[in-house]
């Protein structure tokens, strides 16, 4: 697999995970 593509996929996955985590915390503490 292309290294740049792998890095992009990992970055996107981490970003999505962070967004979901932030949304969950916001909902719980709202």
PDB file of N, CA and C in Angstrom:
ATOM      1  N   UNK A   1       0.856  -1.206   0.000  1.00  0.00           N
ATOM      2  CA  UNK A   1       0.000   0.000   0.000  1.00  0.00           C
ATOM      3  C   UNK A   1       0.890   1.253   0.000  1.00  0.00           C
ATOM      4  N   UNK A   2       0.410   2.291  -0.664  1.00  0.00           N
ATOM      5  CA  UNK A   2       1.170   3.537  -0.700  1.00  0.00           C
ATOM      6  C   UNK A   2       1.247   4.138   0.702  1.00  0.00           C
ATOM      7  N   UNK A   3       2.434   4.593   1.072  1.00  0.00           N
ATOM      8  CA  UNK A   3       2.629   5.137   2.420  1.00  0.00           C
ATOM      9  C   UNK A   3       1.755   6.356   2.660  1.00  0.00           C
ATOM     10  N   UNK A   4       1.684   7.252   1.685  1.00  0.00           N
ATOM     11  CA  UNK A   4       0.880   8.468   1.851  1.00  0.00           C
ATOM     12  C   UNK A   4      -0.591   8.126   2.033  1.00  0.00           C
ATOM     13  N   UNK A   5      -1.067   7.124   1.296  1.00  0.00           N
ATOM     14  CA  UNK A   5      -2.468   6.715   1.409  1.00  0.00           C
ATOM     15  C   UNK A   5      -2.734   6.148   2.796  1.00  0.00           C
ATOM     16  N   UNK A   6      -1.786   5.343   3.290  1.00  0.00           N
ATOM     17  CA  UNK A   6      -1.939   4.752   4.625  1.00  0.00           C
ATOM     18  C   UNK A   6      -1.992   5.845   5.689  1.00  0.00           C
ATOM     19  N   UNK A   7      -1.107   6.836   5.567  1.00  0.00           N
ATOM     20  CA  UNK A   7      -1.090   7.941   6.531  1.00  0.00           C
ATOM     21  C   UNK A   7      -2.401   8.711   6.471  1.00  0.00           C
ATOM     22  N   UNK A   8      -2.912   8.932   5.258  1.00  0.00           N
ATOM     23  CA  UNK A   8      -4.170   9.666   5.095  1.00  0.00           C
ATOM     24  C   UNK A   8      -5.317   8.898   5.736  1.00  0.00           C
ATOM     25  N   UNK A   9      -5.350   7.580   5.553  1.00  0.00           N
ATOM     26  CA  UNK A   9      -6.416   6.766   6.141  1.00  0.00           C
ATOM     27  C   UNK A   9      -6.342   6.802   7.663  1.00  0.00           C
ATOM     28  N   UNK A  10      -5.141   6.687   8.215  1.00  0.00           N
ATOM     29  CA  UNK A  10      -4.975   6.720   9.669  1.00  0.00           C
ATOM     30  C   UNK A  10      -5.398   8.076  10.221  1.00  0.00           C
ATOM     31  N   UNK A  11      -5.004   9.145   9.524  1.00  0.00           N
ATOM     32  CA  UNK A  11      -5.370  10.493   9.967  1.00  0.00           C
ATOM     33  C   UNK A  11      -6.877  10.677   9.950  1.00  0.00           C
ATOM     34  N   UNK A  12      -7.529  10.221   8.873  1.00  0.00           N
ATOM     35  CA  UNK A  12      -8.981  10.351   8.754  1.00  0.00           C
ATOM     36  C   UNK A  12      -9.672   9.544   9.848  1.00  0.00           C
ATOM     37  N   UNK A  13      -9.174   8.328  10.124  1.00  0.00           N
ATOM     38  CA  UNK A  13      -9.774   7.487  11.157  1.00  0.00           C
ATOM     39  C   UNK A  13      -9.650   8.146  12.525  1.00  0.00           C
ATOM     40  N   UNK A  14      -8.477   8.690  12.824  1.00  0.00           N
ATOM     41  CA  UNK A  14      -8.271   9.367  14.109  1.00  0.00           C
ATOM     42  C   UNK A  14      -9.172  10.592  14.226  1.00  0.00           C
ATOM     43  N   UNK A  15      -9.329  11.325  13.129  1.00  0.00           N
ATOM     44  CA  UNK A  15     -10.178  12.518  13.145  1.00  0.00           C
ATOM     45  C   UNK A  15     -11.628  12.127  13.414  1.00  0.00           C
ATOM     46  N   UNK A  16     -12.099  11.080  12.741  1.00  0.00           N
ATOM     47  CA  UNK A  16     -13.482  10.634  12.949  1.00  0.00           C
ATOM     48  C   UNK A  16     -13.670  10.146  14.380  1.00  0.00           C
ATOM     49  N   UNK A  17     -12.698   9.397  14.895  1.00  0.00           N
ATOM     50  CA  UNK A  17     -12.790   8.904  16.269  1.00  0.00           C
ATOM     51  C   UNK A  17     -12.849  10.071  17.247  1.00  0.00           C
ATOM     52  N   UNK A  18     -12.042  11.092  17.008  1.00  0.00           N
ATOM     53  CA  UNK A  18     -12.032  12.261  17.880  1.00  0.00           C
ATOM     54  C   UNK A  18     -13.359  12.995  17.837  1.00  0.00           C
ATOM     55  N   UNK A  19     -13.942  13.102  16.639  1.00  0.00           N
ATOM     56  CA  UNK A  19     -15.235  13.785  16.500  1.00  0.00           C
ATOM     57  C   UNK A  19     -16.322  13.015  17.246  1.00  0.00           C
ATOM     58  N   UNK A  20     -16.349  11.694  17.073  1.00  0.00           N
ATOM     59  CA  UNK A  20     -17.358  10.885  17.765  1.00  0.00           C
ATOM     60  C   UNK A  20     -17.180  10.962  19.277  1.00  0.00           C
ATOM     61  N   UNK A  21     -15.941  10.931  19.739  1.00  0.00           N
ATOM     62  CA  UNK A  21     -15.671  11.003  21.174  1.00  0.00           C
ATOM     63  C   UNK A  21     -16.132  12.350  21.726  1.00  0.00           C
ATOM     64  N   UNK A  22     -15.820  13.435  21.012  1.00  0.00           N
ATOM     65  CA  UNK A  22     -16.214  14.775  21.457  1.00  0.00           C
ATOM     66  C   UNK A  22     -17.734  14.896  21.478  1.00  0.00           C
ATOM     67  N   UNK A  23     -18.400  14.365  20.449  1.00  0.00           N
ATOM     68  CA  UNK A  23     -19.860  14.432  20.378  1.00  0.00           C
ATOM     69  C   UNK A  23     -20.479  13.652  21.534  1.00  0.00           C
ATOM     70  N   UNK A  24     -19.925  12.481  21.832  1.00  0.00           N
ATOM     71  CA  UNK A  24     -20.456  11.665  22.927  1.00  0.00           C
ATOM     72  C   UNK A  24     -20.331  12.400  24.257  1.00  0.00           C
ATOM     73  N   UNK A  25     -19.161  12.988  24.508  1.00  0.00           N
ATOM     74  CA  UNK A  25     -18.944  13.734  25.748  1.00  0.00           C
ATOM     75  C   UNK A  25     -19.888  14.928  25.815  1.00  0.00           C
ATOM     76  N   UNK A  26     -20.057  15.627  24.700  1.00  0.00           N
ATOM     77  CA  UNK A  26     -20.931  16.802  24.663  1.00  0.00           C
ATOM     78  C   UNK A  26     -22.373  16.408  24.972  1.00  0.00           C
ATOM     79  N   UNK A  27     -22.807  15.271  24.428  1.00  0.00           N
ATOM     80  CA  UNK A  27     -24.184  14.814  24.672  1.00  0.00           C
ATOM     81  C   UNK A  27     -24.359  14.406  26.134  1.00  0.00           C
ATOM     82  N   UNK A  28     -23.385  13.680  26.674  1.00  0.00           N
ATOM     83  CA  UNK A  28     -23.484  13.194  28.051  1.00  0.00           C
ATOM     84  C   UNK A  28     -23.511  14.352  29.045  1.00  0.00           C
ATOM     85  N   UNK A  29     -22.675  15.362  28.820  1.00  0.00           N
ATOM     86  CA  UNK A  29     -22.564  16.457  29.778  1.00  0.00           C
ATOM     87  C   UNK A  29     -23.440  17.661  29.449  1.00  0.00           C
ATOM     88  N   UNK A  30     -24.232  17.562  28.382  1.00  0.00           N
ATOM     89  CA  UNK A  30     -25.076  18.698  28.007  1.00  0.00           C
ATOM     90  C   UNK A  30     -26.259  18.822  28.955  1.00  0.00           C
TER      91      UNK A  30
END
